[in-house]
Each structure stands twice: as structure tokens, then as C-alpha cells.
N, C-alpha and C. Protein backbone atom coordinates (compact mmCIF):
# COMPACT_ATOMS: atom_id res chain seq x y z
N MET A 1 0.84 -1.17 0.00
CA MET A 1 0.00 0.00 0.00
C MET A 1 0.88 1.24 0.00
N SER A 2 0.51 2.27 -0.76
CA SER A 2 1.27 3.51 -0.78
C SER A 2 0.32 4.68 -0.58
N PHE A 3 0.89 5.79 -0.18
CA PHE A 3 0.12 6.99 0.10
C PHE A 3 0.64 8.09 -0.80
N VAL A 4 -0.18 9.10 -1.04
CA VAL A 4 0.22 10.20 -1.91
C VAL A 4 0.42 11.44 -1.06
N SER A 5 1.49 12.14 -1.35
CA SER A 5 1.80 13.40 -0.71
C SER A 5 2.06 14.42 -1.80
N VAL A 6 2.06 15.69 -1.46
CA VAL A 6 2.35 16.72 -2.43
C VAL A 6 3.77 17.21 -2.19
N ASN A 7 4.56 17.24 -3.23
CA ASN A 7 5.93 17.71 -3.15
C ASN A 7 5.94 19.18 -3.55
N ILE A 8 6.11 20.08 -2.58
CA ILE A 8 6.09 21.51 -2.88
C ILE A 8 7.48 22.06 -3.14
N ASP A 9 8.52 21.27 -2.95
CA ASP A 9 9.88 21.73 -3.19
C ASP A 9 10.16 22.00 -4.65
N GLN A 10 9.44 21.37 -5.54
CA GLN A 10 9.69 21.51 -6.97
C GLN A 10 8.95 22.70 -7.57
N GLY A 11 8.19 23.43 -6.78
CA GLY A 11 7.49 24.60 -7.27
C GLY A 11 6.13 24.28 -7.88
N ALA A 12 5.85 23.04 -8.14
CA ALA A 12 4.56 22.63 -8.68
C ALA A 12 4.06 21.45 -7.86
N GLU A 13 2.78 21.28 -7.88
CA GLU A 13 2.21 20.18 -7.12
C GLU A 13 2.40 18.88 -7.90
N THR A 14 3.37 18.10 -7.47
CA THR A 14 3.68 16.84 -8.12
C THR A 14 3.40 15.73 -7.11
N PRO A 15 2.52 14.80 -7.43
CA PRO A 15 2.25 13.73 -6.48
C PRO A 15 3.50 12.86 -6.28
N VAL A 16 3.75 12.55 -5.02
CA VAL A 16 4.87 11.69 -4.66
C VAL A 16 4.30 10.56 -3.83
N LYS A 17 4.59 9.33 -4.22
CA LYS A 17 4.08 8.19 -3.46
C LYS A 17 4.95 7.97 -2.24
N LEU A 18 4.29 7.83 -1.10
CA LEU A 18 5.00 7.55 0.14
C LEU A 18 4.74 6.11 0.54
N THR A 19 5.78 5.42 0.85
CA THR A 19 5.63 4.06 1.35
C THR A 19 5.18 4.14 2.80
N ARG A 20 4.79 3.01 3.36
CA ARG A 20 4.41 2.98 4.78
C ARG A 20 5.56 3.46 5.65
N ARG A 21 6.75 3.04 5.29
CA ARG A 21 7.93 3.42 6.08
C ARG A 21 8.14 4.94 6.02
N ALA A 22 8.03 5.52 4.83
CA ALA A 22 8.20 6.96 4.67
C ALA A 22 7.12 7.72 5.42
N LEU A 23 5.90 7.21 5.36
CA LEU A 23 4.79 7.84 6.07
C LEU A 23 5.01 7.76 7.58
N ALA A 24 5.49 6.61 8.06
CA ALA A 24 5.77 6.46 9.49
C ALA A 24 6.88 7.41 9.92
N LYS A 25 7.90 7.58 9.09
CA LYS A 25 8.99 8.50 9.40
C LYS A 25 8.48 9.93 9.45
N GLN A 26 7.61 10.28 8.52
CA GLN A 26 7.02 11.62 8.50
C GLN A 26 6.19 11.86 9.77
N ARG A 27 5.40 10.88 10.18
CA ARG A 27 4.61 11.02 11.40
C ARG A 27 5.50 11.14 12.64
N THR A 28 6.57 10.36 12.67
CA THR A 28 7.52 10.44 13.78
C THR A 28 8.09 11.85 13.86
N ARG A 29 8.49 12.36 12.71
CA ARG A 29 9.06 13.71 12.65
C ARG A 29 8.06 14.74 13.16
N GLU A 30 6.81 14.62 12.75
CA GLU A 30 5.77 15.55 13.19
C GLU A 30 5.55 15.47 14.70
N ARG A 31 5.55 14.26 15.25
CA ARG A 31 5.38 14.10 16.71
C ARG A 31 6.55 14.72 17.46
N VAL A 32 7.76 14.51 16.95
CA VAL A 32 8.94 15.09 17.59
C VAL A 32 8.87 16.61 17.54
N LEU A 33 8.51 17.16 16.39
CA LEU A 33 8.40 18.61 16.25
C LEU A 33 7.36 19.19 17.21
N ALA A 34 6.22 18.54 17.33
CA ALA A 34 5.17 19.03 18.23
C ALA A 34 5.64 19.00 19.68
N ALA A 35 6.27 17.91 20.09
CA ALA A 35 6.78 17.81 21.46
C ALA A 35 7.88 18.84 21.70
N ALA A 36 8.76 19.00 20.73
CA ALA A 36 9.86 19.97 20.88
C ALA A 36 9.32 21.39 20.98
N ARG A 37 8.36 21.74 20.15
CA ARG A 37 7.77 23.08 20.20
C ARG A 37 7.20 23.35 21.58
N ARG A 38 6.48 22.38 22.11
CA ARG A 38 5.87 22.54 23.43
C ARG A 38 6.95 22.71 24.51
N LEU A 39 7.98 21.86 24.50
CA LEU A 39 9.01 21.94 25.53
C LEU A 39 9.89 23.17 25.38
N PHE A 40 10.21 23.57 24.16
CA PHE A 40 10.98 24.80 23.98
C PHE A 40 10.19 25.99 24.50
N SER A 41 8.87 25.98 24.29
CA SER A 41 8.02 27.06 24.79
C SER A 41 7.95 27.06 26.31
N GLU A 42 7.87 25.88 26.91
CA GLU A 42 7.76 25.78 28.36
C GLU A 42 9.08 26.01 29.08
N ARG A 43 10.17 25.47 28.55
CA ARG A 43 11.45 25.44 29.26
C ARG A 43 12.55 26.28 28.65
N GLY A 44 12.32 26.80 27.46
CA GLY A 44 13.38 27.51 26.77
C GLY A 44 14.27 26.53 26.02
N TYR A 45 15.20 27.08 25.27
CA TYR A 45 16.07 26.23 24.46
C TYR A 45 16.97 25.35 25.33
N GLU A 46 17.64 25.94 26.28
CA GLU A 46 18.57 25.18 27.12
C GLU A 46 17.86 24.18 28.01
N GLY A 47 16.67 24.51 28.46
CA GLY A 47 15.94 23.65 29.40
C GLY A 47 15.30 22.43 28.78
N ALA A 48 15.17 22.43 27.46
CA ALA A 48 14.55 21.29 26.76
C ALA A 48 15.66 20.39 26.24
N THR A 49 15.73 19.18 26.76
CA THR A 49 16.75 18.24 26.29
C THR A 49 16.17 17.30 25.25
N ILE A 50 17.04 16.69 24.48
CA ILE A 50 16.59 15.70 23.50
C ILE A 50 15.89 14.55 24.20
N ARG A 51 16.41 14.14 25.33
CA ARG A 51 15.78 13.05 26.09
C ARG A 51 14.36 13.43 26.50
N ASP A 52 14.17 14.66 26.99
CA ASP A 52 12.84 15.12 27.38
C ASP A 52 11.90 15.22 26.18
N ILE A 53 12.43 15.70 25.07
CA ILE A 53 11.62 15.81 23.85
C ILE A 53 11.18 14.42 23.38
N ALA A 54 12.12 13.47 23.39
CA ALA A 54 11.79 12.09 22.99
C ALA A 54 10.71 11.52 23.90
N THR A 55 10.86 11.70 25.20
CA THR A 55 9.87 11.19 26.16
C THR A 55 8.50 11.82 25.91
N ALA A 56 8.48 13.14 25.71
CA ALA A 56 7.21 13.84 25.46
C ALA A 56 6.55 13.37 24.17
N ALA A 57 7.36 12.96 23.20
CA ALA A 57 6.83 12.46 21.93
C ALA A 57 6.49 10.98 21.99
N GLY A 58 6.84 10.33 23.13
CA GLY A 58 6.58 8.90 23.27
C GLY A 58 7.54 8.06 22.44
N MET A 59 8.79 8.53 22.34
CA MET A 59 9.77 7.85 21.49
C MET A 59 11.11 7.74 22.21
N SER A 60 12.02 7.03 21.56
CA SER A 60 13.38 6.94 22.08
C SER A 60 14.19 8.12 21.56
N THR A 61 15.33 8.38 22.20
CA THR A 61 16.20 9.44 21.70
C THR A 61 16.73 9.08 20.31
N GLY A 62 16.89 7.79 20.06
CA GLY A 62 17.33 7.33 18.73
C GLY A 62 16.35 7.73 17.65
N ALA A 63 15.06 7.69 17.96
CA ALA A 63 14.04 8.09 16.98
C ALA A 63 14.16 9.58 16.67
N VAL A 64 14.49 10.37 17.68
CA VAL A 64 14.68 11.81 17.46
C VAL A 64 15.89 12.03 16.56
N PHE A 65 16.99 11.34 16.88
CA PHE A 65 18.21 11.52 16.09
C PHE A 65 18.10 10.91 14.69
N ALA A 66 17.13 10.06 14.47
CA ALA A 66 16.90 9.54 13.12
C ALA A 66 16.31 10.61 12.21
N SER A 67 15.67 11.61 12.83
CA SER A 67 15.05 12.68 12.06
C SER A 67 15.84 13.99 12.09
N PHE A 68 16.60 14.21 13.16
CA PHE A 68 17.32 15.46 13.34
C PHE A 68 18.73 15.18 13.84
N ALA A 69 19.70 15.92 13.31
CA ALA A 69 21.10 15.70 13.69
C ALA A 69 21.36 16.09 15.14
N ASP A 70 20.70 17.16 15.59
CA ASP A 70 20.91 17.62 16.96
C ASP A 70 19.77 18.56 17.35
N LYS A 71 19.86 19.07 18.57
CA LYS A 71 18.79 19.93 19.10
C LYS A 71 18.69 21.23 18.31
N SER A 72 19.81 21.79 17.89
CA SER A 72 19.74 23.06 17.15
C SER A 72 19.04 22.88 15.81
N GLU A 73 19.26 21.76 15.14
CA GLU A 73 18.57 21.51 13.87
C GLU A 73 17.06 21.38 14.10
N LEU A 74 16.69 20.73 15.17
CA LEU A 74 15.28 20.58 15.53
C LEU A 74 14.65 21.96 15.80
N PHE A 75 15.35 22.78 16.55
CA PHE A 75 14.86 24.11 16.87
C PHE A 75 14.74 24.96 15.61
N GLU A 76 15.75 24.89 14.74
CA GLU A 76 15.72 25.63 13.48
C GLU A 76 14.53 25.22 12.62
N GLU A 77 14.20 23.95 12.62
CA GLU A 77 13.05 23.47 11.85
C GLU A 77 11.75 24.11 12.35
N ILE A 78 11.62 24.25 13.64
CA ILE A 78 10.44 24.88 14.23
C ILE A 78 10.38 26.35 13.82
N LEU A 79 11.51 27.04 13.93
CA LEU A 79 11.55 28.46 13.57
C LEU A 79 11.29 28.67 12.09
N THR A 80 11.83 27.80 11.25
CA THR A 80 11.61 27.91 9.81
C THR A 80 10.13 27.76 9.48
N ALA A 81 9.47 26.82 10.13
CA ALA A 81 8.02 26.64 9.92
C ALA A 81 7.27 27.89 10.34
N ASP A 82 7.69 28.50 11.45
CA ASP A 82 7.04 29.74 11.90
C ASP A 82 7.25 30.87 10.90
N TYR A 83 8.47 30.99 10.35
CA TYR A 83 8.74 32.03 9.37
C TYR A 83 7.86 31.85 8.14
N GLU A 84 7.61 30.63 7.74
CA GLU A 84 6.75 30.38 6.58
C GLU A 84 5.32 30.83 6.85
N VAL A 85 4.84 30.57 8.06
CA VAL A 85 3.49 31.00 8.43
C VAL A 85 3.41 32.53 8.47
N ILE A 86 4.40 33.15 9.10
CA ILE A 86 4.42 34.61 9.18
C ILE A 86 4.47 35.21 7.77
N TYR A 87 5.30 34.66 6.93
CA TYR A 87 5.42 35.18 5.56
C TYR A 87 4.08 35.11 4.83
N ALA A 88 3.39 34.00 4.93
CA ALA A 88 2.09 33.85 4.27
C ALA A 88 1.09 34.88 4.80
N GLN A 89 1.08 35.08 6.12
CA GLN A 89 0.16 36.05 6.70
C GLN A 89 0.54 37.48 6.33
N MET A 90 1.85 37.76 6.28
CA MET A 90 2.31 39.10 5.89
C MET A 90 1.97 39.39 4.42
N THR A 91 2.14 38.40 3.58
CA THR A 91 1.81 38.56 2.16
C THR A 91 0.33 38.88 2.00
N GLN A 92 -0.50 38.18 2.72
CA GLN A 92 -1.94 38.42 2.66
C GLN A 92 -2.27 39.83 3.15
N ALA A 93 -1.63 40.26 4.24
CA ALA A 93 -1.88 41.61 4.77
C ALA A 93 -1.44 42.68 3.77
N ALA A 94 -0.30 42.45 3.12
CA ALA A 94 0.20 43.43 2.15
C ALA A 94 -0.73 43.52 0.94
N ARG A 95 -1.24 42.40 0.49
CA ARG A 95 -2.14 42.40 -0.67
C ARG A 95 -3.48 43.07 -0.36
N ALA A 96 -3.90 42.98 0.89
CA ALA A 96 -5.19 43.56 1.27
C ALA A 96 -5.10 45.07 1.50
N ALA A 97 -3.89 45.58 1.65
CA ALA A 97 -3.70 47.01 1.95
C ALA A 97 -3.95 47.87 0.73
N LYS A 98 -4.44 49.07 0.99
CA LYS A 98 -4.70 50.02 -0.09
C LYS A 98 -3.60 51.08 -0.19
N THR A 99 -2.86 51.26 0.89
CA THR A 99 -1.78 52.25 0.90
C THR A 99 -0.51 51.60 1.45
N VAL A 100 0.59 52.30 1.25
CA VAL A 100 1.87 51.82 1.78
C VAL A 100 1.80 51.77 3.30
N ASP A 101 1.23 52.79 3.92
CA ASP A 101 1.11 52.81 5.37
C ASP A 101 0.31 51.62 5.88
N GLU A 102 -0.81 51.34 5.23
CA GLU A 102 -1.62 50.18 5.62
C GLU A 102 -0.83 48.89 5.47
N ALA A 103 -0.09 48.78 4.39
CA ALA A 103 0.69 47.57 4.14
C ALA A 103 1.73 47.37 5.21
N LEU A 104 2.49 48.41 5.53
CA LEU A 104 3.53 48.29 6.55
C LEU A 104 2.93 48.00 7.93
N LEU A 105 1.85 48.68 8.25
CA LEU A 105 1.19 48.40 9.53
C LEU A 105 0.69 46.96 9.57
N GLY A 106 0.17 46.49 8.45
CA GLY A 106 -0.28 45.10 8.37
C GLY A 106 0.85 44.11 8.55
N LEU A 107 1.99 44.37 7.88
CA LEU A 107 3.15 43.48 8.00
C LEU A 107 3.64 43.41 9.44
N PHE A 108 3.83 44.56 10.04
CA PHE A 108 4.35 44.57 11.41
C PHE A 108 3.31 44.06 12.41
N GLY A 109 2.05 44.32 12.13
CA GLY A 109 0.99 43.82 13.00
C GLY A 109 0.93 42.30 13.00
N VAL A 110 1.12 41.70 11.84
CA VAL A 110 1.15 40.23 11.73
C VAL A 110 2.30 39.68 12.57
N ALA A 111 3.48 40.24 12.40
CA ALA A 111 4.64 39.75 13.14
C ALA A 111 4.45 39.91 14.64
N TYR A 112 3.94 41.07 15.05
CA TYR A 112 3.71 41.33 16.47
C TYR A 112 2.71 40.34 17.05
N SER A 113 1.58 40.19 16.39
CA SER A 113 0.54 39.29 16.89
C SER A 113 1.03 37.84 16.95
N PHE A 114 1.72 37.43 15.91
CA PHE A 114 2.22 36.05 15.87
C PHE A 114 3.16 35.78 17.02
N HIS A 115 4.11 36.67 17.24
CA HIS A 115 5.09 36.46 18.30
C HIS A 115 4.49 36.65 19.69
N LEU A 116 3.52 37.52 19.82
CA LEU A 116 2.86 37.70 21.11
C LEU A 116 2.15 36.42 21.54
N GLU A 117 1.52 35.75 20.57
CA GLU A 117 0.85 34.48 20.86
C GLU A 117 1.83 33.38 21.25
N GLN A 118 3.06 33.49 20.79
CA GLN A 118 4.07 32.46 21.04
C GLN A 118 5.28 33.07 21.77
N LEU A 119 5.01 33.92 22.72
CA LEU A 119 6.07 34.65 23.41
C LEU A 119 7.14 33.75 24.03
N PRO A 120 6.79 32.65 24.68
CA PRO A 120 7.85 31.79 25.23
C PRO A 120 8.79 31.23 24.16
N LEU A 121 8.25 30.90 23.00
CA LEU A 121 9.09 30.39 21.91
C LEU A 121 9.97 31.51 21.36
N LEU A 122 9.46 32.73 21.29
CA LEU A 122 10.26 33.87 20.85
C LEU A 122 11.41 34.10 21.83
N ARG A 123 11.11 34.02 23.12
CA ARG A 123 12.17 34.18 24.13
C ARG A 123 13.25 33.11 23.96
N ALA A 124 12.82 31.88 23.72
CA ALA A 124 13.79 30.79 23.50
C ALA A 124 14.63 31.07 22.26
N SER A 125 14.01 31.59 21.23
CA SER A 125 14.73 31.90 19.99
C SER A 125 15.77 32.99 20.22
N ILE A 126 15.40 34.02 20.94
CA ILE A 126 16.34 35.11 21.22
C ILE A 126 17.48 34.61 22.09
N ALA A 127 17.16 33.83 23.11
CA ALA A 127 18.21 33.29 23.99
C ALA A 127 19.17 32.39 23.21
N GLU A 128 18.62 31.56 22.34
CA GLU A 128 19.45 30.63 21.56
C GLU A 128 20.30 31.38 20.55
N SER A 129 19.83 32.52 20.07
CA SER A 129 20.56 33.26 19.04
C SER A 129 21.92 33.75 19.52
N TRP A 130 22.09 33.93 20.81
CA TRP A 130 23.36 34.42 21.34
C TRP A 130 24.47 33.37 21.23
N THR A 131 24.09 32.11 21.18
CA THR A 131 25.09 31.04 21.15
C THR A 131 25.09 30.28 19.82
N ARG A 132 24.36 30.77 18.87
CA ARG A 132 24.23 30.11 17.56
C ARG A 132 25.55 30.13 16.81
N SER A 133 25.84 29.05 16.12
CA SER A 133 27.05 28.99 15.30
C SER A 133 26.89 29.92 14.10
N GLU A 134 28.00 30.24 13.47
CA GLU A 134 27.96 31.12 12.30
C GLU A 134 27.12 30.51 11.18
N ALA A 135 27.25 29.20 10.98
CA ALA A 135 26.48 28.52 9.92
C ALA A 135 24.99 28.56 10.25
N ALA A 136 24.64 28.35 11.51
CA ALA A 136 23.23 28.40 11.91
C ALA A 136 22.68 29.81 11.76
N GLU A 137 23.50 30.80 12.05
CA GLU A 137 23.06 32.19 11.89
C GLU A 137 22.80 32.51 10.42
N ARG A 138 23.65 32.02 9.52
CA ARG A 138 23.43 32.22 8.08
C ARG A 138 22.13 31.57 7.64
N ARG A 139 21.86 30.34 8.14
CA ARG A 139 20.61 29.67 7.77
C ARG A 139 19.41 30.45 8.29
N ALA A 140 19.49 30.97 9.50
CA ALA A 140 18.38 31.74 10.07
C ALA A 140 18.12 33.00 9.26
N ARG A 141 19.19 33.68 8.87
CA ARG A 141 19.03 34.89 8.05
C ARG A 141 18.44 34.55 6.69
N ASN A 142 18.84 33.43 6.14
CA ASN A 142 18.30 32.99 4.86
C ASN A 142 16.80 32.76 4.95
N ASP A 143 16.34 32.21 6.07
CA ASP A 143 14.90 31.98 6.27
C ASP A 143 14.12 33.29 6.28
N LEU A 144 14.77 34.36 6.70
CA LEU A 144 14.09 35.65 6.82
C LEU A 144 14.13 36.48 5.54
N LYS A 145 14.94 36.08 4.56
CA LYS A 145 15.12 36.89 3.35
C LYS A 145 13.80 37.23 2.66
N HIS A 146 12.92 36.26 2.52
CA HIS A 146 11.67 36.54 1.80
C HIS A 146 10.78 37.50 2.58
N ILE A 147 10.88 37.51 3.91
CA ILE A 147 10.12 38.48 4.70
C ILE A 147 10.69 39.88 4.48
N PHE A 148 12.02 40.00 4.46
CA PHE A 148 12.63 41.29 4.22
C PHE A 148 12.30 41.81 2.82
N LYS A 149 12.17 40.91 1.85
CA LYS A 149 11.80 41.33 0.49
C LYS A 149 10.42 41.97 0.47
N LEU A 150 9.51 41.47 1.30
CA LEU A 150 8.18 42.08 1.38
C LEU A 150 8.28 43.52 1.86
N ILE A 151 9.12 43.75 2.86
CA ILE A 151 9.27 45.08 3.41
C ILE A 151 9.95 45.99 2.40
N LYS A 152 10.97 45.50 1.71
CA LYS A 152 11.68 46.31 0.71
C LYS A 152 10.77 46.72 -0.45
N PHE A 153 9.74 45.92 -0.69
CA PHE A 153 8.82 46.19 -1.79
C PHE A 153 8.18 47.57 -1.63
N PHE A 154 8.01 47.98 -0.39
CA PHE A 154 7.36 49.27 -0.13
C PHE A 154 8.40 50.33 -0.04
């Protein structure tokens, strides 16, 4: 038996068949991400260990490491997903605006509201940013490029 997923990396919706194993791996990854998001929000970056994340997800630490190289990669995945959501909401706000002022207020309002709702995760992100490696910092900045392009548009 196989399952169908949509591959959005190619820029077009191309059906990709997922085997049971691939689907199970995807579900494991999603469970780990959900548990990690919750623990990073509750305990901060330093306070959430891989062991605790694995336990919260109902898995072994090996299952976590099968999906993520380390805790920083896991955290980056969560932040990248958040940036994608913020970008989509900012794009919608900019398109709905009638003036430049409305557009900019909409963009910043989206970011403010999003982060206010997830304040503990934002705090963890800021705390973690002080100790981030140079390569991780470049990846984080790359994730933000499309958001900055929206602002530059005005």
C-alpha cells in the first residue's frame, strides 16, 4: 500500500508516493516537532533536552536523532516553519492594503501578533541566538530573506 503526498519543493504540485515506512517516518518527525515546540516554549532552548523531547513524543532518543542531527537543527526546523506562516500572513496583509502605510502596519501587525501568541518560543529563539554557530546564523538569516523582500517592496 502507498500513500500520496504533495511535493512543494519543486514549485509545482507533483504527487509523490509515500511508502508505509516513509509515512511512518514523516509522522515520527511531526510528533517530535510538536513535542519539541511545546518543551521549547515551556522550558526555553537550554531547558529542553533531547531526552525530554523524545519522552514527550513517546519515542526513544534514537528516533529523534533519526530525524534530526541535533537539538539546534530541531529548533531551526520549528523556527523555519514559523517564518513560513508569518510570511504567508504578511503577504496576505500586504495584498489587502490600499496604501503603503496600511501595508507596513499590516506586516508589522502580523509579526507582532504572531510572536505575542508564542512569546515563550520567541524568548527561547532570542536566547538561543546568542550562542548560535555562524552557519546556523546564516541559515536563520536565509529563512528571513523573503520576509525582508516584502518590506523592501514598499
